[in-house]
Amino acid sequence: MNKILFFAVTVFLSSCGDTKEKQKVIEKQVNLVSQDSTDFIIAFYYNDSVEKGFEYYKKIETNLNSRQVSYQNQVQSKTQKYQNYVSKKQKDIQAGLLSENEMIKVQQKAAEMEQEILQYQQREGARLEEDMLKNMQTINNKLEAFGKLFSENHGIDILMGYSSGQQINYINPQMDVTSAFIDFLNAEQKKLEEGL
């Protein structure tokens, strides 16, 4: 009986030693990954930090913001041109300078200009939104693929993205791998770009 008890205690103590060793190895590979007593490793990164630190994400966001500004400027320019035309022609009508036939042509042209603005907004707005969704899907795909590779490289069982206001109330800061994950994302993206 004493031999069985001694054997069980020895196995227990040796397994505890392995867990501590494994934890130290993990901590050297990635800053402060936490794990529980079952060797189940959980880590997280801050989503907003990835948005600010992942160069590919910033590049896509800058491009989309530039296109959004250009789109808004075009809509504003077309709208201003339309308003100037209508204002000038109203003054001509009030001054009695246009015949009935000319007034009909002015109304037609104003309607065409207004229709052109609406079509531009629908066409270009939809294209911009579609591109935005495609780019966000590409970024999400990269985060998933690189997150999987990062987790496999560092023995992480669950890697979570965290944002304030989510259902998770608290995460131990020792589980934060944001900086290491951003460095990994940028390095992997650079490898992809160099391979093109």
C-alpha atoms as a PDB file:
ATOM      1  CA  MET A   1       0.000   0.000   0.000  1.00  0.00           C
ATOM      2  CA  ASN A   2       2.833   2.392   0.955  1.00  0.00           C
ATOM      3  CA  LYS A   3       4.609   1.564  -2.330  1.00  0.00           C
ATOM      4  CA  ILE A   4       1.499   2.481  -4.338  1.00  0.00           C
ATOM      5  CA  LEU A   5       1.088   5.732  -2.421  1.00  0.00           C
ATOM      6  CA  PHE A   6       4.797   6.533  -2.874  1.00  0.00           C
ATOM      7  CA  PHE A   7       4.542   5.779  -6.622  1.00  0.00           C
ATOM      8  CA  ALA A   8       1.426   7.993  -6.996  1.00  0.00           C
ATOM      9  CA  VAL A   9       3.086  10.911  -5.188  1.00  0.00           C
ATOM     10  CA  THR A  10       6.236  10.508  -7.316  1.00  0.00           C
ATOM     11  CA  VAL A  11       4.204  10.525 -10.561  1.00  0.00           C
ATOM     12  CA  PHE A  12       2.224  13.550  -9.378  1.00  0.00           C
ATOM     13  CA  LEU A  13       5.357  15.506  -8.455  1.00  0.00           C
ATOM     14  CA  SER A  14       7.113  14.646 -11.698  1.00  0.00           C
ATOM     15  CA  SER A  15       4.076  15.711 -13.729  1.00  0.00           C
ATOM     16  CA  CYS A  16       3.977  19.035 -11.859  1.00  0.00           C
ATOM     17  CA  GLY A  17       7.629  19.566 -12.736  1.00  0.00           C
ATOM     18  CA  ASP A  18       6.922  18.962 -16.437  1.00  0.00           C
ATOM     19  CA  THR A  19       4.121  21.542 -16.389  1.00  0.00           C
ATOM     20  CA  LYS A  20       6.402  24.224 -14.931  1.00  0.00           C
ATOM     21  CA  GLU A  21       9.119  23.408 -17.493  1.00  0.00           C
ATOM     22  CA  LYS A  22       6.641  23.589 -20.369  1.00  0.00           C
ATOM     23  CA  GLN A  23       5.276  26.874 -19.073  1.00  0.00           C
ATOM     24  CA  LYS A  24       8.781  28.388 -18.932  1.00  0.00           C
ATOM     25  CA  VAL A  25       9.469  27.278 -22.525  1.00  0.00           C
ATOM     26  CA  ILE A  26       6.203  28.823 -23.686  1.00  0.00           C
ATOM     27  CA  GLU A  27       6.949  32.058 -21.837  1.00  0.00           C
ATOM     28  CA  LYS A  28      10.313  32.307 -23.591  1.00  0.00           C
ATOM     29  CA  GLN A  29       8.695  31.841 -26.997  1.00  0.00           C
ATOM     30  CA  VAL A  30       5.871  34.322 -26.428  1.00  0.00           C
ATOM     31  CA  ASN A  31       5.671  36.935 -23.719  1.00  0.00           C
ATOM     32  CA  LEU A  32       3.600  35.808 -20.777  1.00  0.00           C
ATOM     33  CA  VAL A  33       1.338  33.098 -22.141  1.00  0.00           C
ATOM     34  CA  SER A  34      -0.697  31.699 -19.284  1.00  0.00           C
ATOM     35  CA  GLN A  35      -1.759  28.108 -18.921  1.00  0.00           C
ATOM     36  CA  ASP A  36      -3.823  26.122 -16.470  1.00  0.00           C
ATOM     37  CA  SER A  37      -2.948  22.856 -14.733  1.00  0.00           C
ATOM     38  CA  THR A  38      -4.189  20.761 -17.673  1.00  0.00           C
ATOM     39  CA  ASP A  39      -1.530  22.204 -20.021  1.00  0.00           C
ATOM     40  CA  PHE A  40      -4.297  24.024 -21.891  1.00  0.00           C
ATOM     41  CA  ILE A  41      -2.804  27.296 -23.135  1.00  0.00           C
ATOM     42  CA  ILE A  42      -4.971  30.365 -23.741  1.00  0.00           C
ATOM     43  CA  ALA A  43      -3.720  33.718 -25.048  1.00  0.00           C
ATOM     44  CA  PHE A  44      -5.304  36.859 -26.429  1.00  0.00           C
ATOM     45  CA  TYR A  45      -4.489  39.977 -28.419  1.00  0.00           C
ATOM     46  CA  TYR A  46      -6.147  43.383 -28.442  1.00  0.00           C
ATOM     47  CA  ASN A  47      -8.062  43.877 -31.697  1.00  0.00           C
ATOM     48  CA  ASP A  48      -7.567  47.646 -31.749  1.00  0.00           C
ATOM     49  CA  SER A  49      -3.807  47.203 -31.312  1.00  0.00           C
ATOM     50  CA  VAL A  50      -3.718  44.823 -34.272  1.00  0.00           C
ATOM     51  CA  GLU A  51      -5.598  47.424 -36.337  1.00  0.00           C
ATOM     52  CA  LYS A  52      -2.946  50.004 -35.409  1.00  0.00           C
ATOM     53  CA  GLY A  53       0.101  47.733 -35.617  1.00  0.00           C
ATOM     54  CA  PHE A  54      -0.554  45.345 -38.522  1.00  0.00           C
ATOM     55  CA  GLU A  55       0.967  47.212 -41.481  1.00  0.00           C
ATOM     56  CA  TYR A  56      -1.192  45.441 -44.078  1.00  0.00           C
ATOM     57  CA  TYR A  57      -4.347  46.458 -42.192  1.00  0.00           C
ATOM     58  CA  LYS A  58      -3.178  50.078 -41.993  1.00  0.00           C
ATOM     59  CA  LYS A  59      -2.332  50.093 -45.713  1.00  0.00           C
ATOM     60  CA  ILE A  60      -5.789  48.783 -46.662  1.00  0.00           C
ATOM     61  CA  GLU A  61      -7.504  51.202 -44.272  1.00  0.00           C
ATOM     62  CA  THR A  62      -5.539  54.168 -45.668  1.00  0.00           C
ATOM     63  CA  ASN A  63      -6.433  53.165 -49.223  1.00  0.00           C
ATOM     64  CA  LEU A  64     -10.124  52.805 -48.380  1.00  0.00           C
ATOM     65  CA  ASN A  65     -10.182  56.110 -46.495  1.00  0.00           C
ATOM     66  CA  SER A  66      -8.567  57.830 -49.479  1.00  0.00           C
ATOM     67  CA  ARG A  67     -11.146  56.332 -51.831  1.00  0.00           C
ATOM     68  CA  GLN A  68     -13.947  57.363 -49.458  1.00  0.00           C
ATOM     69  CA  VAL A  69     -12.703  60.962 -49.438  1.00  0.00           C
ATOM     70  CA  SER A  70     -12.389  60.942 -53.232  1.00  0.00           C
ATOM     71  CA  TYR A  71     -15.927  59.564 -53.561  1.00  0.00           C
ATOM     72  CA  GLN A  72     -17.320  62.231 -51.227  1.00  0.00           C
ATOM     73  CA  ASN A  73     -15.440  64.945 -53.098  1.00  0.00           C
ATOM     74  CA  GLN A  74     -16.865  63.739 -56.414  1.00  0.00           C
ATOM     75  CA  VAL A  75     -20.411  63.712 -55.035  1.00  0.00           C
ATOM     76  CA  GLN A  76     -19.903  67.182 -53.598  1.00  0.00           C
ATOM     77  CA  SER A  77     -18.435  68.475 -56.881  1.00  0.00           C
ATOM     78  CA  LYS A  78     -21.282  67.065 -58.961  1.00  0.00           C
ATOM     79  CA  THR A  79     -23.849  68.403 -56.491  1.00  0.00           C
ATOM     80  CA  GLN A  80     -22.243  71.850 -56.512  1.00  0.00           C
ATOM     81  CA  LYS A  81     -22.203  71.892 -60.331  1.00  0.00           C
ATOM     82  CA  TYR A  82     -25.891  70.934 -60.361  1.00  0.00           C
ATOM     83  CA  GLN A  83     -26.799  73.598 -57.789  1.00  0.00           C
ATOM     84  CA  ASN A  84     -24.844  76.291 -59.672  1.00  0.00           C
ATOM     85  CA  TYR A  85     -26.569  75.366 -62.930  1.00  0.00           C
ATOM     86  CA  VAL A  86     -30.047  75.437 -61.345  1.00  0.00           C
ATOM     87  CA  SER A  87     -29.324  78.726 -59.549  1.00  0.00           C
ATOM     88  CA  LYS A  88     -28.050  80.438 -62.728  1.00  0.00           C
ATOM     89  CA  LYS A  89     -30.974  79.233 -64.810  1.00  0.00           C
ATOM     90  CA  GLN A  90     -33.488  80.332 -62.147  1.00  0.00           C
ATOM     91  CA  LYS A  91     -32.014  83.826 -62.340  1.00  0.00           C
ATOM     92  CA  ASP A  92     -32.319  83.707 -66.147  1.00  0.00           C
ATOM     93  CA  ILE A  93     -35.958  82.599 -65.843  1.00  0.00           C
ATOM     94  CA  GLN A  94     -36.757  85.342 -63.313  1.00  0.00           C
ATOM     95  CA  ALA A  95     -35.133  87.907 -65.611  1.00  0.00           C
ATOM     96  CA  GLY A  96     -37.341  86.641 -68.469  1.00  0.00           C
ATOM     97  CA  LEU A  97     -34.370  85.655 -70.613  1.00  0.00           C
ATOM     98  CA  LEU A  98     -35.560  82.117 -71.452  1.00  0.00           C
ATOM     99  CA  SER A  99     -38.338  81.049 -73.754  1.00  0.00           C
ATOM    100  CA  GLU A 100     -40.741  78.221 -72.809  1.00  0.00           C
ATOM    101  CA  ASN A 101     -38.806  75.826 -75.013  1.00  0.00           C
ATOM    102  CA  GLU A 102     -35.513  76.823 -73.321  1.00  0.00           C
ATOM    103  CA  MET A 103     -37.084  76.407 -69.857  1.00  0.00           C
ATOM    104  CA  ILE A 104     -38.153  72.866 -70.780  1.00  0.00           C
ATOM    105  CA  LYS A 105     -34.581  72.091 -71.900  1.00  0.00           C
ATOM    106  CA  VAL A 106     -33.236  73.552 -68.620  1.00  0.00           C
ATOM    107  CA  GLN A 107     -35.607  71.331 -66.613  1.00  0.00           C
ATOM    108  CA  GLN A 108     -34.544  68.287 -68.628  1.00  0.00           C
ATOM    109  CA  LYS A 109     -30.853  69.046 -68.165  1.00  0.00           C
ATOM    110  CA  ALA A 110     -31.332  69.646 -64.422  1.00  0.00           C
ATOM    111  CA  ALA A 111     -33.184  66.332 -64.123  1.00  0.00           C
ATOM    112  CA  GLU A 112     -30.375  64.572 -66.059  1.00  0.00           C
ATOM    113  CA  MET A 113     -27.733  66.118 -63.802  1.00  0.00           C
ATOM    114  CA  GLU A 114     -29.656  65.069 -60.695  1.00  0.00           C
ATOM    115  CA  GLN A 115     -30.076  61.547 -62.081  1.00  0.00           C
ATOM    116  CA  GLU A 116     -26.360  61.377 -62.854  1.00  0.00           C
ATOM    117  CA  ILE A 117     -25.548  62.262 -59.232  1.00  0.00           C
ATOM    118  CA  LEU A 118     -27.892  59.550 -57.920  1.00  0.00           C
ATOM    119  CA  GLN A 119     -26.482  56.943 -60.313  1.00  0.00           C
ATOM    120  CA  TYR A 120     -22.932  57.872 -59.369  1.00  0.00           C
ATOM    121  CA  GLN A 121     -23.752  57.562 -55.657  1.00  0.00           C
ATOM    122  CA  GLN A 122     -25.404  54.179 -56.177  1.00  0.00           C
ATOM    123  CA  ARG A 123     -22.722  52.787 -58.499  1.00  0.00           C
ATOM    124  CA  GLU A 124     -19.596  54.108 -56.786  1.00  0.00           C
ATOM    125  CA  GLY A 125     -21.002  53.840 -53.267  1.00  0.00           C
ATOM    126  CA  ALA A 126     -21.849  50.177 -53.868  1.00  0.00           C
ATOM    127  CA  ARG A 127     -18.408  49.532 -55.399  1.00  0.00           C
ATOM    128  CA  LEU A 128     -16.674  51.189 -52.443  1.00  0.00           C
ATOM    129  CA  GLU A 129     -18.754  49.216 -49.942  1.00  0.00           C
ATOM    130  CA  GLU A 130     -18.108  45.956 -51.822  1.00  0.00           C
ATOM    131  CA  ASP A 131     -14.354  46.626 -51.862  1.00  0.00           C
ATOM    132  CA  MET A 132     -14.445  47.459 -48.172  1.00  0.00           C
ATOM    133  CA  LEU A 133     -16.186  44.156 -47.368  1.00  0.00           C
ATOM    134  CA  LYS A 134     -13.753  42.192 -49.562  1.00  0.00           C
ATOM    135  CA  ASN A 135     -10.753  43.826 -47.915  1.00  0.00           C
ATOM    136  CA  MET A 136     -12.125  43.220 -44.427  1.00  0.00           C
ATOM    137  CA  GLN A 137     -12.704  39.566 -45.355  1.00  0.00           C
ATOM    138  CA  THR A 138      -9.118  39.346 -46.631  1.00  0.00           C
ATOM    139  CA  ILE A 139      -7.831  40.844 -43.377  1.00  0.00           C
ATOM    140  CA  ASN A 140      -9.973  38.425 -41.341  1.00  0.00           C
ATOM    141  CA  ASN A 141      -8.673  35.503 -43.413  1.00  0.00           C
ATOM    142  CA  LYS A 142      -5.086  36.631 -42.792  1.00  0.00           C
ATOM    143  CA  LEU A 143      -5.728  36.987 -39.046  1.00  0.00           C
ATOM    144  CA  GLU A 144      -7.206  33.480 -38.957  1.00  0.00           C
ATOM    145  CA  ALA A 145      -4.425  31.869 -40.987  1.00  0.00           C
ATOM    146  CA  PHE A 146      -1.592  33.741 -39.283  1.00  0.00           C
ATOM    147  CA  GLY A 147      -3.278  33.266 -35.891  1.00  0.00           C
ATOM    148  CA  LYS A 148      -3.370  29.514 -36.469  1.00  0.00           C
ATOM    149  CA  LEU A 149       0.292  29.458 -37.489  1.00  0.00           C
ATOM    150  CA  PHE A 150       1.273  31.687 -34.538  1.00  0.00           C
ATOM    151  CA  SER A 151      -0.646  29.432 -32.140  1.00  0.00           C
ATOM    152  CA  GLU A 152       0.899  26.269 -33.572  1.00  0.00           C
ATOM    153  CA  ASN A 153       4.391  27.783 -33.334  1.00  0.00           C
ATOM    154  CA  HIS A 154       3.868  28.724 -29.682  1.00  0.00           C
ATOM    155  CA  GLY A 155       1.754  25.807 -28.447  1.00  0.00           C
ATOM    156  CA  ILE A 156      -1.336  27.952 -27.879  1.00  0.00           C
ATOM    157  CA  ASP A 157      -4.645  26.067 -27.749  1.00  0.00           C
ATOM    158  CA  ILE A 158      -6.927  29.120 -27.912  1.00  0.00           C
ATOM    159  CA  LEU A 159      -5.961  32.538 -29.294  1.00  0.00           C
ATOM    160  CA  MET A 160      -8.664  35.154 -28.813  1.00  0.00           C
ATOM    161  CA  GLY A 161      -9.077  38.655 -30.172  1.00  0.00           C
ATOM    162  CA  TYR A 162     -10.282  41.005 -27.455  1.00  0.00           C
ATOM    163  CA  SER A 163     -12.094  44.338 -27.689  1.00  0.00           C
ATOM    164  CA  SER A 164     -13.523  46.479 -24.952  1.00  0.00           C
ATOM    165  CA  GLY A 165     -17.261  45.993 -24.595  1.00  0.00           C
ATOM    166  CA  GLN A 166     -17.244  42.323 -25.557  1.00  0.00           C
ATOM    167  CA  GLN A 167     -18.889  39.692 -23.394  1.00  0.00           C
ATOM    168  CA  ILE A 168     -15.585  38.880 -21.722  1.00  0.00           C
ATOM    169  CA  ASN A 169     -15.405  40.955 -18.576  1.00  0.00           C
ATOM    170  CA  TYR A 170     -11.770  40.340 -17.629  1.00  0.00           C
ATOM    171  CA  ILE A 171      -8.697  38.631 -19.047  1.00  0.00           C
ATOM    172  CA  ASN A 172      -5.526  38.209 -17.053  1.00  0.00           C
ATOM    173  CA  PRO A 173      -2.911  40.514 -18.631  1.00  0.00           C
ATOM    174  CA  GLN A 174      -0.349  37.713 -18.406  1.00  0.00           C
ATOM    175  CA  MET A 175      -2.201  36.064 -21.290  1.00  0.00           C
ATOM    176  CA  ASP A 176      -1.632  39.100 -23.574  1.00  0.00           C
ATOM    177  CA  VAL A 177       0.447  38.258 -26.670  1.00  0.00           C
ATOM    178  CA  THR A 178      -0.563  41.349 -28.679  1.00  0.00           C
ATOM    179  CA  SER A 179       2.929  42.671 -29.341  1.00  0.00           C
ATOM    180  CA  ALA A 180       4.355  39.288 -30.340  1.00  0.00           C
ATOM    181  CA  PHE A 181       1.315  38.583 -32.534  1.00  0.00           C
ATOM    182  CA  ILE A 182       1.589  41.942 -34.344  1.00  0.00           C
ATOM    183  CA  ASP A 183       5.295  41.333 -34.978  1.00  0.00           C
ATOM    184  CA  PHE A 184       4.420  37.880 -36.298  1.00  0.00           C
ATOM    185  CA  LEU A 185       1.655  39.270 -38.568  1.00  0.00           C
ATOM    186  CA  ASN A 186       3.968  41.867 -40.070  1.00  0.00           C
ATOM    187  CA  ALA A 187       6.769  39.330 -40.603  1.00  0.00           C
ATOM    188  CA  GLU A 188       4.447  36.809 -42.266  1.00  0.00           C
ATOM    189  CA  GLN A 189       2.850  39.468 -44.479  1.00  0.00           C
ATOM    190  CA  LYS A 190       6.309  40.670 -45.517  1.00  0.00           C
ATOM    191  CA  LYS A 191       7.227  37.091 -46.482  1.00  0.00           C
ATOM    192  CA  LEU A 192       4.064  36.886 -48.595  1.00  0.00           C
ATOM    193  CA  GLU A 193       4.796  40.186 -50.342  1.00  0.00           C
ATOM    194  CA  GLU A 194       8.403  39.224 -51.027  1.00  0.00           C
ATOM    195  CA  GLY A 195       7.193  35.975 -52.583  1.00  0.00           C
ATOM    196  CA  LEU A 196       5.025  37.819 -55.124  1.00  0.00           C
END
